Amino acid sequence: MPLNPVHDEHQVIVERKIKEPERYRVLLHNDDYTSMDFVVSVLQNIFHKSIEQATTIMLAVHRRGTGQCGIYTKELAEAKVGQVKNAARQAGFPLRCTMEKVC
């Protein structure tokens, strides 16, 4: 008669905890040179925001100094920051985009 797997003294049960990936918030920062239209465009094209969402975030950047574009895994956040920096450079704007770890 086979041994019950739960009671088999030779069976090793490995329990692994799956850790959620760390998340990062991507932020745009206000400056005196980047146009509001460009910021809205970046939010629509890079962060896939609707015109309404993009406008709301752009106004937060303008009024509060920063606006959150989204929360992503580290690799995706780094990619988004790089895309914003490249787009801003090509358009001749000093738009600053950063990421910070979500606690």
C-alpha atoms as a PDB file:
ATOM      1  CA  MET A   1       0.000   0.000   0.000  1.00  0.00           C
ATOM      2  CA  PRO A   2       1.521   3.371  -1.016  1.00  0.00           C
ATOM      3  CA  LEU A   3       2.239   5.895   1.655  1.00  0.00           C
ATOM      4  CA  ASN A   4       0.023   8.921   1.906  1.00  0.00           C
ATOM      5  CA  PRO A   5       2.016  11.843   0.448  1.00  0.00           C
ATOM      6  CA  VAL A   6       1.057  14.037   3.369  1.00  0.00           C
ATOM      7  CA  HIS A   7       2.550  11.544   5.830  1.00  0.00           C
ATOM      8  CA  ASP A   8       5.466  10.288   3.747  1.00  0.00           C
ATOM      9  CA  GLU A   9       8.524  11.029   5.886  1.00  0.00           C
ATOM     10  CA  HIS A  10      10.755  11.122   2.797  1.00  0.00           C
ATOM     11  CA  GLN A  11       8.756  13.736   0.961  1.00  0.00           C
ATOM     12  CA  VAL A  12       9.982  17.282   1.255  1.00  0.00           C
ATOM     13  CA  ILE A  13       7.363  19.954   1.004  1.00  0.00           C
ATOM     14  CA  VAL A  14       8.757  23.233  -0.233  1.00  0.00           C
ATOM     15  CA  GLU A  15       6.674  26.264   0.446  1.00  0.00           C
ATOM     16  CA  ARG A  16       7.619  29.352  -1.500  1.00  0.00           C
ATOM     17  CA  LYS A  17       6.293  32.787  -0.905  1.00  0.00           C
ATOM     18  CA  ILE A  18       5.732  34.737  -4.062  1.00  0.00           C
ATOM     19  CA  LYS A  19       6.936  38.264  -3.561  1.00  0.00           C
ATOM     20  CA  GLU A  20       5.183  41.024  -5.432  1.00  0.00           C
ATOM     21  CA  PRO A  21       7.579  43.159  -7.492  1.00  0.00           C
ATOM     22  CA  GLU A  22       8.496  46.535  -6.079  1.00  0.00           C
ATOM     23  CA  ARG A  23       6.446  49.341  -7.547  1.00  0.00           C
ATOM     24  CA  TYR A  24       7.620  52.783  -8.645  1.00  0.00           C
ATOM     25  CA  ARG A  25       5.704  56.007  -9.118  1.00  0.00           C
ATOM     26  CA  VAL A  26       6.593  58.004 -12.260  1.00  0.00           C
ATOM     27  CA  LEU A  27       6.391  61.781 -11.852  1.00  0.00           C
ATOM     28  CA  LEU A  28       6.542  64.764 -14.173  1.00  0.00           C
ATOM     29  CA  HIS A  29       7.977  68.019 -12.797  1.00  0.00           C
ATOM     30  CA  ASN A  30       6.953  71.547 -13.655  1.00  0.00           C
ATOM     31  CA  ASP A  31       9.279  73.954 -15.416  1.00  0.00           C
ATOM     32  CA  ASP A  32       8.848  77.364 -17.023  1.00  0.00           C
ATOM     33  CA  TYR A  33       9.522  76.217 -20.585  1.00  0.00           C
ATOM     34  CA  THR A  34       7.731  72.983 -21.461  1.00  0.00           C
ATOM     35  CA  SER A  35       4.355  73.658 -23.071  1.00  0.00           C
ATOM     36  CA  MET A  36       1.175  72.288 -21.549  1.00  0.00           C
ATOM     37  CA  ASP A  37       0.267  70.785 -24.921  1.00  0.00           C
ATOM     38  CA  PHE A  38       3.526  68.824 -24.985  1.00  0.00           C
ATOM     39  CA  VAL A  39       2.925  67.485 -21.469  1.00  0.00           C
ATOM     40  CA  VAL A  40      -0.584  66.358 -22.468  1.00  0.00           C
ATOM     41  CA  SER A  41       0.866  64.716 -25.561  1.00  0.00           C
ATOM     42  CA  VAL A  42       3.483  62.841 -23.500  1.00  0.00           C
ATOM     43  CA  LEU A  43       0.804  61.642 -21.096  1.00  0.00           C
ATOM     44  CA  GLN A  44      -1.365  60.391 -23.946  1.00  0.00           C
ATOM     45  CA  ASN A  45       1.362  58.791 -26.049  1.00  0.00           C
ATOM     46  CA  ILE A  46       3.718  57.356 -23.446  1.00  0.00           C
ATOM     47  CA  PHE A  47       1.377  56.734 -20.512  1.00  0.00           C
ATOM     48  CA  HIS A  48      -1.759  55.984 -22.580  1.00  0.00           C
ATOM     49  CA  LYS A  49      -3.936  58.483 -20.715  1.00  0.00           C
ATOM     50  CA  SER A  50      -7.201  59.809 -22.103  1.00  0.00           C
ATOM     51  CA  ILE A  51      -7.342  63.507 -22.955  1.00  0.00           C
ATOM     52  CA  GLU A  52      -9.263  64.116 -19.721  1.00  0.00           C
ATOM     53  CA  GLN A  53      -6.761  62.195 -17.575  1.00  0.00           C
ATOM     54  CA  ALA A  54      -3.796  63.819 -19.315  1.00  0.00           C
ATOM     55  CA  THR A  55      -5.244  67.301 -18.794  1.00  0.00           C
ATOM     56  CA  THR A  56      -5.878  66.625 -15.099  1.00  0.00           C
ATOM     57  CA  ILE A  57      -2.309  65.381 -14.564  1.00  0.00           C
ATOM     58  CA  MET A  58      -0.859  68.279 -16.582  1.00  0.00           C
ATOM     59  CA  LEU A  59      -2.763  70.758 -14.394  1.00  0.00           C
ATOM     60  CA  ALA A  60      -1.429  69.036 -11.257  1.00  0.00           C
ATOM     61  CA  VAL A  61       2.099  69.405 -12.635  1.00  0.00           C
ATOM     62  CA  HIS A  62       1.454  73.075 -13.387  1.00  0.00           C
ATOM     63  CA  ARG A  63      -0.239  73.932 -10.068  1.00  0.00           C
ATOM     64  CA  ARG A  64       1.549  71.663  -7.563  1.00  0.00           C
ATOM     65  CA  GLY A  65       4.927  71.241  -9.210  1.00  0.00           C
ATOM     66  CA  THR A  66       4.602  67.503  -9.843  1.00  0.00           C
ATOM     67  CA  GLY A  67       2.063  65.085 -11.230  1.00  0.00           C
ATOM     68  CA  GLN A  68       1.895  61.301 -11.046  1.00  0.00           C
ATOM     69  CA  CYS A  69       1.788  59.561 -14.408  1.00  0.00           C
ATOM     70  CA  GLY A  70       1.343  56.050 -13.035  1.00  0.00           C
ATOM     71  CA  ILE A  71       2.762  53.269 -10.883  1.00  0.00           C
ATOM     72  CA  TYR A  72       4.814  50.531 -12.541  1.00  0.00           C
ATOM     73  CA  THR A  73       7.375  47.827 -11.917  1.00  0.00           C
ATOM     74  CA  LYS A  74      10.945  49.121 -11.767  1.00  0.00           C
ATOM     75  CA  GLU A  75      11.829  48.079 -15.319  1.00  0.00           C
ATOM     76  CA  LEU A  76       8.712  49.602 -16.824  1.00  0.00           C
ATOM     77  CA  ALA A  77       9.090  52.814 -14.796  1.00  0.00           C
ATOM     78  CA  GLU A  78      12.696  53.163 -15.993  1.00  0.00           C
ATOM     79  CA  ALA A  79      11.566  52.651 -19.581  1.00  0.00           C
ATOM     80  CA  LYS A  80       8.814  55.281 -19.265  1.00  0.00           C
ATOM     81  CA  VAL A  81      11.226  57.816 -17.740  1.00  0.00           C
ATOM     82  CA  GLY A  82      13.646  57.204 -20.616  1.00  0.00           C
ATOM     83  CA  GLN A  83      10.896  57.625 -23.215  1.00  0.00           C
ATOM     84  CA  VAL A  84       9.837  60.955 -21.675  1.00  0.00           C
ATOM     85  CA  LYS A  85      13.413  62.218 -21.564  1.00  0.00           C
ATOM     86  CA  ASN A  86      13.997  61.261 -25.203  1.00  0.00           C
ATOM     87  CA  ALA A  87      10.739  62.838 -26.382  1.00  0.00           C
ATOM     88  CA  ALA A  88      11.449  66.049 -24.441  1.00  0.00           C
ATOM     89  CA  ARG A  89      15.001  66.272 -25.769  1.00  0.00           C
ATOM     90  CA  GLN A  90      13.819  65.782 -29.363  1.00  0.00           C
ATOM     91  CA  ALA A  91      11.172  68.484 -28.904  1.00  0.00           C
ATOM     92  CA  GLY A  92      13.659  70.864 -27.287  1.00  0.00           C
ATOM     93  CA  PHE A  93      11.975  70.933 -23.861  1.00  0.00           C
ATOM     94  CA  PRO A  94      13.642  70.524 -20.451  1.00  0.00           C
ATOM     95  CA  LEU A  95      10.761  68.412 -19.086  1.00  0.00           C
ATOM     96  CA  ARG A  96      11.932  66.464 -16.052  1.00  0.00           C
ATOM     97  CA  CYS A  97      10.594  62.989 -15.315  1.00  0.00           C
ATOM     98  CA  THR A  98      11.588  60.910 -12.295  1.00  0.00           C
ATOM     99  CA  MET A  99      10.590  57.750 -10.499  1.00  0.00           C
ATOM    100  CA  GLU A 100      10.364  56.968  -6.810  1.00  0.00           C
ATOM    101  CA  LYS A 101       9.764  53.761  -4.936  1.00  0.00           C
ATOM    102  CA  VAL A 102       6.256  53.292  -3.555  1.00  0.00           C
ATOM    103  CA  CYS A 103       6.468  52.415   0.128  1.00  0.00           C
END
